[in-house]
C-alpha atoms as a PDB file:
ATOM      1  CA  UNK A   1    -144.470 -29.023  -1.099  1.00  0.00           C
ATOM      2  CA  UNK A   2    -141.069 -28.422  -2.166  1.00  0.00           C
ATOM      3  CA  UNK A   3    -138.889 -29.688  -5.065  1.00  0.00           C
ATOM      4  CA  UNK A   4    -135.031 -30.017  -4.940  1.00  0.00           C
ATOM      5  CA  UNK A   5    -133.228 -29.657  -8.360  1.00  0.00           C
ATOM      6  CA  UNK A   6    -129.555 -30.527  -8.534  1.00  0.00           C
ATOM      7  CA  UNK A   7    -127.431 -27.521  -8.932  1.00  0.00           C
ATOM      8  CA  UNK A   8    -123.770 -27.274  -9.866  1.00  0.00           C
ATOM      9  CA  UNK A   9    -121.588 -24.299 -10.157  1.00  0.00           C
ATOM     10  CA  UNK A  10    -124.796 -22.096  -9.765  1.00  0.00           C
ATOM     11  CA  UNK A  11    -126.426 -23.687 -12.765  1.00  0.00           C
ATOM     12  CA  UNK A  12    -129.370 -26.317 -12.821  1.00  0.00           C
ATOM     13  CA  UNK A  13    -128.295 -29.739 -13.773  1.00  0.00           C
ATOM     14  CA  UNK A  14    -130.904 -31.452 -15.939  1.00  0.00           C
ATOM     15  CA  UNK A  15    -130.990 -35.173 -16.442  1.00  0.00           C
ATOM     16  CA  UNK A  16    -130.792 -36.705 -20.012  1.00  0.00           C
ATOM     17  CA  UNK A  17    -134.380 -37.749 -20.042  1.00  0.00           C
ATOM     18  CA  UNK A  18    -135.636 -34.161 -19.300  1.00  0.00           C
ATOM     19  CA  UNK A  19    -133.137 -32.557 -21.859  1.00  0.00           C
ATOM     20  CA  UNK A  20    -134.357 -35.196 -24.517  1.00  0.00           C
ATOM     21  CA  UNK A  21    -138.030 -34.500 -23.854  1.00  0.00           C
ATOM     22  CA  UNK A  22    -137.610 -30.754 -23.934  1.00  0.00           C
ATOM     23  CA  UNK A  23    -135.542 -30.969 -27.137  1.00  0.00           C
ATOM     24  CA  UNK A  24    -138.098 -33.073 -28.775  1.00  0.00           C
ATOM     25  CA  UNK A  25    -140.932 -30.736 -27.845  1.00  0.00           C
ATOM     26  CA  UNK A  26    -138.834 -27.833 -28.939  1.00  0.00           C
ATOM     27  CA  UNK A  27    -138.227 -29.491 -32.417  1.00  0.00           C
ATOM     28  CA  UNK A  28    -141.852 -30.342 -32.905  1.00  0.00           C
ATOM     29  CA  UNK A  29    -143.093 -26.950 -31.612  1.00  0.00           C
ATOM     30  CA  UNK A  30    -145.717 -28.814 -29.628  1.00  0.00           C
ATOM     31  CA  UNK A  31    -146.882 -28.415 -26.081  1.00  0.00           C
ATOM     32  CA  UNK A  32    -146.054 -31.039 -23.357  1.00  0.00           C
ATOM     33  CA  UNK A  33    -147.501 -34.486 -24.164  1.00  0.00           C
ATOM     34  CA  UNK A  34    -148.435 -37.200 -21.636  1.00  0.00           C
ATOM     35  CA  UNK A  35    -144.908 -38.656 -21.710  1.00  0.00           C
ATOM     36  CA  UNK A  36    -143.338 -35.354 -20.905  1.00  0.00           C
ATOM     37  CA  UNK A  37    -145.964 -35.009 -18.078  1.00  0.00           C
ATOM     38  CA  UNK A  38    -144.933 -38.348 -16.732  1.00  0.00           C
ATOM     39  CA  UNK A  39    -141.329 -37.467 -16.748  1.00  0.00           C
ATOM     40  CA  UNK A  40    -141.989 -34.311 -14.947  1.00  0.00           C
ATOM     41  CA  UNK A  41    -143.927 -36.245 -12.202  1.00  0.00           C
ATOM     42  CA  UNK A  42    -141.076 -38.620 -11.908  1.00  0.00           C
ATOM     43  CA  UNK A  43    -138.521 -35.829 -11.688  1.00  0.00           C
ATOM     44  CA  UNK A  44    -140.652 -34.293  -8.894  1.00  0.00           C
ATOM     45  CA  UNK A  45    -140.589 -37.551  -6.926  1.00  0.00           C
ATOM     46  CA  UNK A  46    -136.938 -37.987  -7.475  1.00  0.00           C
ATOM     47  CA  UNK A  47    -135.770 -34.557  -6.414  1.00  0.00           C
ATOM     48  CA  UNK A  48    -138.227 -33.851  -3.639  1.00  0.00           C
ATOM     49  CA  UNK A  49    -137.033 -32.521  -0.359  1.00  0.00           C
ATOM     50  CA  UNK A  50    -136.764 -35.554   1.899  1.00  0.00           C
ATOM     51  CA  UNK A  51    -137.518 -33.318   4.991  1.00  0.00           C
ATOM     52  CA  UNK A  52    -140.627 -32.023   3.300  1.00  0.00           C
ATOM     53  CA  UNK A  53    -141.856 -34.759   0.926  1.00  0.00           C
ATOM     54  CA  UNK A  54    -144.950 -34.460  -1.383  1.00  0.00           C
ATOM     55  CA  UNK A  55    -148.061 -35.865   0.166  1.00  0.00           C
ATOM     56  CA  UNK A  56    -149.649 -38.937  -1.155  1.00  0.00           C
ATOM     57  CA  UNK A  57    -152.819 -36.914  -1.883  1.00  0.00           C
ATOM     58  CA  UNK A  58    -150.905 -34.716  -4.198  1.00  0.00           C
ATOM     59  CA  UNK A  59    -149.468 -37.650  -5.956  1.00  0.00           C
ATOM     60  CA  UNK A  60    -152.940 -39.295  -6.406  1.00  0.00           C
ATOM     61  CA  UNK A  61    -154.246 -35.868  -7.813  1.00  0.00           C
ATOM     62  CA  UNK A  62    -151.359 -35.759 -10.181  1.00  0.00           C
ATOM     63  CA  UNK A  63    -151.733 -39.266 -11.370  1.00  0.00           C
ATOM     64  CA  UNK A  64    -155.393 -38.633 -11.983  1.00  0.00           C
ATOM     65  CA  UNK A  65    -154.630 -35.698 -13.960  1.00  0.00           C
ATOM     66  CA  UNK A  66    -152.216 -37.697 -16.073  1.00  0.00           C
ATOM     67  CA  UNK A  67    -154.835 -40.419 -16.554  1.00  0.00           C
ATOM     68  CA  UNK A  68    -157.311 -37.751 -17.758  1.00  0.00           C
ATOM     69  CA  UNK A  69    -154.704 -36.439 -20.097  1.00  0.00           C
ATOM     70  CA  UNK A  70    -153.821 -39.783 -21.545  1.00  0.00           C
ATOM     71  CA  UNK A  71    -157.555 -40.552 -22.097  1.00  0.00           C
ATOM     72  CA  UNK A  72    -158.199 -37.256 -23.856  1.00  0.00           C
ATOM     73  CA  UNK A  73    -155.123 -37.770 -26.092  1.00  0.00           C
ATOM     74  CA  UNK A  74    -156.228 -41.279 -26.917  1.00  0.00           C
ATOM     75  CA  UNK A  75    -159.783 -40.085 -27.717  1.00  0.00           C
ATOM     76  CA  UNK A  76    -158.430 -37.379 -29.894  1.00  0.00           C
ATOM     77  CA  UNK A  77    -156.236 -39.760 -31.797  1.00  0.00           C
ATOM     78  CA  UNK A  78    -159.208 -42.124 -32.334  1.00  0.00           C
ATOM     79  CA  UNK A  79    -161.486 -39.252 -33.588  1.00  0.00           C
ATOM     80  CA  UNK A  80    -158.662 -38.035 -35.938  1.00  0.00           C
ATOM     81  CA  UNK A  81    -158.233 -41.668 -37.411  1.00  0.00           C
ATOM     82  CA  UNK A  82    -161.970 -41.972 -37.808  1.00  0.00           C
ATOM     83  CA  UNK A  83    -162.110 -38.542 -39.545  1.00  0.00           C
ATOM     84  CA  UNK A  84    -159.269 -39.460 -41.921  1.00  0.00           C
ATOM     85  CA  UNK A  85    -160.961 -42.779 -42.763  1.00  0.00           C
ATOM     86  CA  UNK A  86    -164.119 -41.055 -43.714  1.00  0.00           C
ATOM     87  CA  UNK A  87    -161.995 -38.977 -46.172  1.00  0.00           C
ATOM     88  CA  UNK A  88    -160.939 -41.971 -48.324  1.00  0.00           C
ATOM     89  CA  UNK A  89    -162.375 -41.821 -51.747  1.00  0.00           C
ATOM     90  CA  UNK A  90    -163.146 -37.985 -51.459  1.00  0.00           C
ATOM     91  CA  UNK A  91    -161.629 -34.983 -53.019  1.00  0.00           C
ATOM     92  CA  UNK A  92    -159.574 -32.778 -50.693  1.00  0.00           C
ATOM     93  CA  UNK A  93    -157.635 -29.553 -50.916  1.00  0.00           C
ATOM     94  CA  UNK A  94    -154.423 -29.380 -48.748  1.00  0.00           C
ATOM     95  CA  UNK A  95    -152.461 -26.316 -47.907  1.00  0.00           C
ATOM     96  CA  UNK A  96    -148.926 -27.638 -47.456  1.00  0.00           C
ATOM     97  CA  UNK A  97    -146.155 -25.393 -46.156  1.00  0.00           C
ATOM     98  CA  UNK A  98    -142.885 -25.791 -47.918  1.00  0.00           C
ATOM     99  CA  UNK A  99    -139.390 -25.628 -46.342  1.00  0.00           C
ATOM    100  CA  UNK A 100    -139.218 -21.908 -47.650  1.00  0.00           C
ATOM    101  CA  UNK A 101    -142.482 -20.971 -45.768  1.00  0.00           C
ATOM    102  CA  UNK A 102    -144.566 -20.781 -48.932  1.00  0.00           C
ATOM    103  CA  UNK A 103    -148.024 -22.480 -49.099  1.00  0.00           C
ATOM    104  CA  UNK A 104    -148.588 -25.042 -51.789  1.00  0.00           C
ATOM    105  CA  UNK A 105    -152.179 -26.052 -52.691  1.00  0.00           C
ATOM    106  CA  UNK A 106    -152.578 -29.675 -53.360  1.00  0.00           C
ATOM    107  CA  UNK A 107    -155.813 -31.116 -54.671  1.00  0.00           C
ATOM    108  CA  UNK A 108    -156.786 -34.738 -55.274  1.00  0.00           C
ATOM    109  CA  UNK A 109    -158.610 -37.801 -54.101  1.00  0.00           C
ATOM    110  CA  UNK A 110    -157.649 -39.576 -51.025  1.00  0.00           C
ATOM    111  CA  UNK A 111    -156.587 -43.142 -51.769  1.00  0.00           C
ATOM    112  CA  UNK A 112    -155.825 -44.401 -48.403  1.00  0.00           C
ATOM    113  CA  UNK A 113    -154.688 -43.315 -44.902  1.00  0.00           C
ATOM    114  CA  UNK A 114    -151.342 -44.120 -42.861  1.00  0.00           C
ATOM    115  CA  UNK A 115    -150.694 -43.764 -39.305  1.00  0.00           C
ATOM    116  CA  UNK A 116    -146.929 -43.229 -38.479  1.00  0.00           C
ATOM    117  CA  UNK A 117    -145.566 -42.070 -35.141  1.00  0.00           C
ATOM    118  CA  UNK A 118    -149.071 -41.219 -33.767  1.00  0.00           C
ATOM    119  CA  UNK A 119    -149.664 -39.007 -36.694  1.00  0.00           C
ATOM    120  CA  UNK A 120    -152.258 -39.476 -39.462  1.00  0.00           C
ATOM    121  CA  UNK A 121    -151.298 -39.050 -43.144  1.00  0.00           C
ATOM    122  CA  UNK A 122    -153.472 -38.974 -46.208  1.00  0.00           C
ATOM    123  CA  UNK A 123    -152.227 -40.575 -49.453  1.00  0.00           C
ATOM    124  CA  UNK A 124    -152.909 -38.413 -52.536  1.00  0.00           C
ATOM    125  CA  UNK A 125    -151.453 -39.328 -55.817  1.00  0.00           C
ATOM    126  CA  UNK A 126    -148.847 -41.587 -54.239  1.00  0.00           C
ATOM    127  CA  UNK A 127    -147.817 -38.692 -51.818  1.00  0.00           C
ATOM    128  CA  UNK A 128    -148.354 -38.592 -48.178  1.00  0.00           C
ATOM    129  CA  UNK A 129    -149.753 -35.362 -46.452  1.00  0.00           C
ATOM    130  CA  UNK A 130    -150.445 -34.708 -42.853  1.00  0.00           C
ATOM    131  CA  UNK A 131    -154.081 -34.410 -42.026  1.00  0.00           C
ATOM    132  CA  UNK A 132    -153.098 -31.214 -40.221  1.00  0.00           C
ATOM    133  CA  UNK A 133    -152.638 -29.691 -43.636  1.00  0.00           C
ATOM    134  CA  UNK A 134    -156.246 -30.315 -44.621  1.00  0.00           C
ATOM    135  CA  UNK A 135    -158.108 -27.223 -45.883  1.00  0.00           C
ATOM    136  CA  UNK A 136    -161.278 -28.324 -47.655  1.00  0.00           C
ATOM    137  CA  UNK A 137    -163.215 -31.417 -48.471  1.00  0.00           C
ATOM    138  CA  UNK A 138    -164.986 -30.902 -51.870  1.00  0.00           C
ATOM    139  CA  UNK A 139    -167.991 -32.812 -53.234  1.00  0.00           C
ATOM    140  CA  UNK A 140    -167.429 -34.420 -56.546  1.00  0.00           C
ATOM    141  CA  UNK A 141    -170.752 -33.194 -57.860  1.00  0.00           C
ATOM    142  CA  UNK A 142    -169.564 -29.607 -56.942  1.00  0.00           C
ATOM    143  CA  UNK A 143    -166.322 -30.039 -58.927  1.00  0.00           C
ATOM    144  CA  UNK A 144    -168.244 -31.385 -61.947  1.00  0.00           C
ATOM    145  CA  UNK A 145    -170.641 -28.495 -61.800  1.00  0.00           C
ATOM    146  CA  UNK A 146    -167.773 -26.061 -61.508  1.00  0.00           C
ATOM    147  CA  UNK A 147    -166.026 -27.384 -64.576  1.00  0.00           C
ATOM    148  CA  UNK A 148    -169.210 -27.341 -66.595  1.00  0.00           C
ATOM    149  CA  UNK A 149    -169.860 -23.753 -65.545  1.00  0.00           C
ATOM    150  CA  UNK A 150    -166.366 -22.772 -66.683  1.00  0.00           C
ATOM    151  CA  UNK A 151    -167.008 -24.364 -70.094  1.00  0.00           C
ATOM    152  CA  UNK A 152    -170.476 -22.873 -70.349  1.00  0.00           C
ATOM    153  CA  UNK A 153    -169.043 -19.371 -69.782  1.00  0.00           C
ATOM    154  CA  UNK A 154    -166.351 -20.035 -72.285  1.00  0.00           C
ATOM    155  CA  UNK A 155    -168.758 -21.230 -75.096  1.00  0.00           C
ATOM    156  CA  UNK A 156    -171.264 -18.282 -74.375  1.00  0.00           C
ATOM    157  CA  UNK A 157    -168.425 -15.933 -74.566  1.00  0.00           C
ATOM    158  CA  UNK A 158    -167.539 -17.159 -78.010  1.00  0.00           C
ATOM    159  CA  UNK A 159    -171.069 -16.678 -79.361  1.00  0.00           C
ATOM    160  CA  UNK A 160    -171.833 -13.255 -81.155  1.00  0.00           C
ATOM    161  CA  UNK A 161    -173.609 -10.499 -79.199  1.00  0.00           C
ATOM    162  CA  UNK A 162    -177.320  -9.904 -79.911  1.00  0.00           C
ATOM    163  CA  UNK A 163    -176.595  -7.040 -82.335  1.00  0.00           C
ATOM    164  CA  UNK A 164    -174.161  -9.306 -84.507  1.00  0.00           C
ATOM    165  CA  UNK A 165    -176.423 -12.384 -84.494  1.00  0.00           C
ATOM    166  CA  UNK A 166    -177.137 -13.907 -87.862  1.00  0.00           C
ATOM    167  CA  UNK A 167    -179.288 -16.824 -89.042  1.00  0.00           C
ATOM    168  CA  UNK A 168    -176.230 -18.736 -89.761  1.00  0.00           C
ATOM    169  CA  UNK A 169    -175.752 -18.892 -85.892  1.00  0.00           C
ATOM    170  CA  UNK A 170    -178.938 -20.722 -85.424  1.00  0.00           C
ATOM    171  CA  UNK A 171    -177.422 -24.254 -85.560  1.00  0.00           C
ATOM    172  CA  UNK A 172    -174.639 -23.439 -82.984  1.00  0.00           C
ATOM    173  CA  UNK A 173    -177.006 -21.756 -80.740  1.00  0.00           C
ATOM    174  CA  UNK A 174    -179.348 -24.635 -80.786  1.00  0.00           C
ATOM    175  CA  UNK A 175    -176.592 -26.919 -79.887  1.00  0.00           C
ATOM    176  CA  UNK A 176    -175.820 -24.759 -76.780  1.00  0.00           C
ATOM    177  CA  UNK A 177    -179.475 -24.641 -75.823  1.00  0.00           C
ATOM    178  CA  UNK A 178    -179.780 -28.351 -76.013  1.00  0.00           C
ATOM    179  CA  UNK A 179    -176.497 -28.968 -74.109  1.00  0.00           C
ATOM    180  CA  UNK A 180    -177.725 -26.618 -71.312  1.00  0.00           C
ATOM    181  CA  UNK A 181    -181.073 -28.347 -71.138  1.00  0.00           C
ATOM    182  CA  UNK A 182    -179.496 -31.806 -70.814  1.00  0.00           C
ATOM    183  CA  UNK A 183    -177.707 -30.723 -67.681  1.00  0.00           C
ATOM    184  CA  UNK A 184    -178.844 -31.924 -64.263  1.00  0.00           C
ATOM    185  CA  UNK A 185    -181.011 -29.584 -62.119  1.00  0.00           C
ATOM    186  CA  UNK A 186    -178.041 -29.052 -59.776  1.00  0.00           C
ATOM    187  CA  UNK A 187    -175.709 -28.091 -62.607  1.00  0.00           C
ATOM    188  CA  UNK A 188    -178.266 -25.604 -64.065  1.00  0.00           C
ATOM    189  CA  UNK A 189    -178.749 -23.985 -60.626  1.00  0.00           C
ATOM    190  CA  UNK A 190    -175.089 -23.702 -60.253  1.00  0.00           C
ATOM    191  CA  UNK A 191    -174.830 -21.940 -63.595  1.00  0.00           C
ATOM    192  CA  UNK A 192    -177.691 -19.681 -62.720  1.00  0.00           C
ATOM    193  CA  UNK A 193    -175.970 -18.684 -59.384  1.00  0.00           C
ATOM    194  CA  UNK A 194    -172.436 -18.204 -60.528  1.00  0.00           C
ATOM    195  CA  UNK A 195    -172.756 -17.561 -64.325  1.00  0.00           C
ATOM    196  CA  UNK A 196    -175.857 -15.197 -64.374  1.00  0.00           C
ATOM    197  CA  UNK A 197    -174.420 -12.991 -67.168  1.00  0.00           C
ATOM    198  CA  UNK A 198    -173.691 -15.836 -69.546  1.00  0.00           C
ATOM    199  CA  UNK A 199    -177.061 -17.403 -68.947  1.00  0.00           C
ATOM    200  CA  UNK A 200    -178.850 -14.065 -69.574  1.00  0.00           C
ATOM    201  CA  UNK A 201    -176.888 -13.765 -72.822  1.00  0.00           C
ATOM    202  CA  UNK A 202    -178.009 -17.179 -73.959  1.00  0.00           C
ATOM    203  CA  UNK A 203    -181.565 -16.267 -73.255  1.00  0.00           C
ATOM    204  CA  UNK A 204    -181.227 -13.005 -75.123  1.00  0.00           C
ATOM    205  CA  UNK A 205    -179.756 -14.657 -78.150  1.00  0.00           C
ATOM    206  CA  UNK A 206    -182.531 -17.319 -78.179  1.00  0.00           C
ATOM    207  CA  UNK A 207    -185.070 -14.589 -78.157  1.00  0.00           C
ATOM    208  CA  UNK A 208    -183.352 -12.684 -80.868  1.00  0.00           C
ATOM    209  CA  UNK A 209    -183.048 -15.804 -83.068  1.00  0.00           C
ATOM    210  CA  UNK A 210    -186.736 -16.514 -82.706  1.00  0.00           C
ATOM    211  CA  UNK A 211    -187.583 -13.097 -83.905  1.00  0.00           C
ATOM    212  CA  UNK A 212    -185.208 -13.477 -86.830  1.00  0.00           C
ATOM    213  CA  UNK A 213    -186.594 -16.910 -87.800  1.00  0.00           C
ATOM    214  CA  UNK A 214    -190.128 -15.745 -87.547  1.00  0.00           C
ATOM    215  CA  UNK A 215    -189.323 -12.707 -89.676  1.00  0.00           C
ATOM    216  CA  UNK A 216    -187.664 -15.067 -92.210  1.00  0.00           C
ATOM    217  CA  UNK A 217    -190.819 -17.193 -92.444  1.00  0.00           C
ATOM    218  CA  UNK A 218    -190.086 -19.731 -89.628  1.00  0.00           C
ATOM    219  CA  UNK A 219    -188.705 -23.294 -89.913  1.00  0.00           C
ATOM    220  CA  UNK A 220    -190.029 -26.676 -89.482  1.00  0.00           C
ATOM    221  CA  UNK A 221    -191.765 -27.283 -86.049  1.00  0.00           C
ATOM    222  CA  UNK A 222    -189.178 -29.732 -84.889  1.00  0.00           C
ATOM    223  CA  UNK A 223    -186.279 -27.200 -85.506  1.00  0.00           C
ATOM    224  CA  UNK A 224    -188.012 -24.173 -84.253  1.00  0.00           C
ATOM    225  CA  UNK A 225    -186.043 -22.160 -81.633  1.00  0.00           C
ATOM    226  CA  UNK A 226    -188.290 -20.729 -78.973  1.00  0.00           C
ATOM    227  CA  UNK A 227    -186.557 -17.669 -77.506  1.00  0.00           C
ATOM    228  CA  UNK A 228    -188.992 -16.642 -74.877  1.00  0.00           C
ATOM    229  CA  UNK A 229    -186.861 -15.119 -72.026  1.00  0.00           C
ATOM    230  CA  UNK A 230    -187.821 -17.466 -69.282  1.00  0.00           C
ATOM    231  CA  UNK A 231    -186.951 -20.707 -67.779  1.00  0.00           C
ATOM    232  CA  UNK A 232    -189.421 -23.556 -67.223  1.00  0.00           C
ATOM    233  CA  UNK A 233    -190.022 -25.563 -64.152  1.00  0.00           C
ATOM    234  CA  UNK A 234    -186.907 -27.756 -64.634  1.00  0.00           C
ATOM    235  CA  UNK A 235    -184.671 -24.665 -65.094  1.00  0.00           C
ATOM    236  CA  UNK A 236    -184.287 -25.513 -68.836  1.00  0.00           C
ATOM    237  CA  UNK A 237    -183.963 -22.612 -71.281  1.00  0.00           C
ATOM    238  CA  UNK A 238    -187.385 -22.383 -72.795  1.00  0.00           C
ATOM    239  CA  UNK A 239    -187.572 -23.730 -76.325  1.00  0.00           C
ATOM    240  CA  UNK A 240    -189.211 -26.319 -78.385  1.00  0.00           C
ATOM    241  CA  UNK A 241    -187.790 -29.440 -76.756  1.00  0.00           C
ATOM    242  CA  UNK A 242    -189.063 -31.969 -79.163  1.00  0.00           C
ATOM    243  CA  UNK A 243    -185.653 -32.661 -80.457  1.00  0.00           C
ATOM    244  CA  UNK A 244    -184.184 -32.838 -76.830  1.00  0.00           C
ATOM    245  CA  UNK A 245    -185.936 -36.147 -76.335  1.00  0.00           C
ATOM    246  CA  UNK A 246    -183.300 -37.825 -78.446  1.00  0.00           C
ATOM    247  CA  UNK A 247    -180.521 -36.112 -76.486  1.00  0.00           C
ATOM    248  CA  UNK A 248    -181.345 -37.503 -72.947  1.00  0.00           C
ATOM    249  CA  UNK A 249    -179.660 -40.941 -73.461  1.00  0.00           C
ATOM    250  CA  UNK A 250    -177.142 -39.830 -70.821  1.00  0.00           C
ATOM    251  CA  UNK A 251    -179.820 -39.916 -68.211  1.00  0.00           C
ATOM    252  CA  UNK A 252    -179.290 -36.341 -67.289  1.00  0.00           C
ATOM    253  CA  UNK A 253    -182.442 -34.283 -66.818  1.00  0.00           C
END
């Protein structure tokens, strides 16, 4: 098989269709798509050597390749659209390249998707972002547990250390214990995994407060702070949970 390309003054003359296709691919930075493939096939047929034409078998083979390429691209587009549809209502993190080359991190919930020019875009806070910029899909429970863990560390950091603990700190310490015990099991496990030092400090403070209240003659049964350094089966900080029964109205366990 041989292909004849028009040459003028020692230079290859390209038709407008080929130039437009190559320019478009150069701008997008993408590989040849099915339209460019078809244009190359047409150019091959147009400029073939009439004395040595391409056989029908080769054309059939190339058309079969073109059909396979088209089917693969259509399937890929369908899967991409389906994937984007499944992201609606979920929180995502996007890594968006700016015109200066810097990477901007965008986080938010996907409101809807848009398909423009065979590309899929995610709408986040009234802005459209290409699905190609998708970095992470984040579970809402994870985000809530992360925020709670950050607040937990902050609150524990504001509490005095064991050596400076006083009986006047009992009420504040009890509020922290009850708040922790009212968290869900997932949130407690999250804190245990990512904030072990803060959780250990809380247990130490509870143990020390128990010693101090016992030494001072104790308190009423319902207000007693049990500072044993352990966690019960529900991951709660062990203590007298009688008062906690009134604090579970949120439904969190």
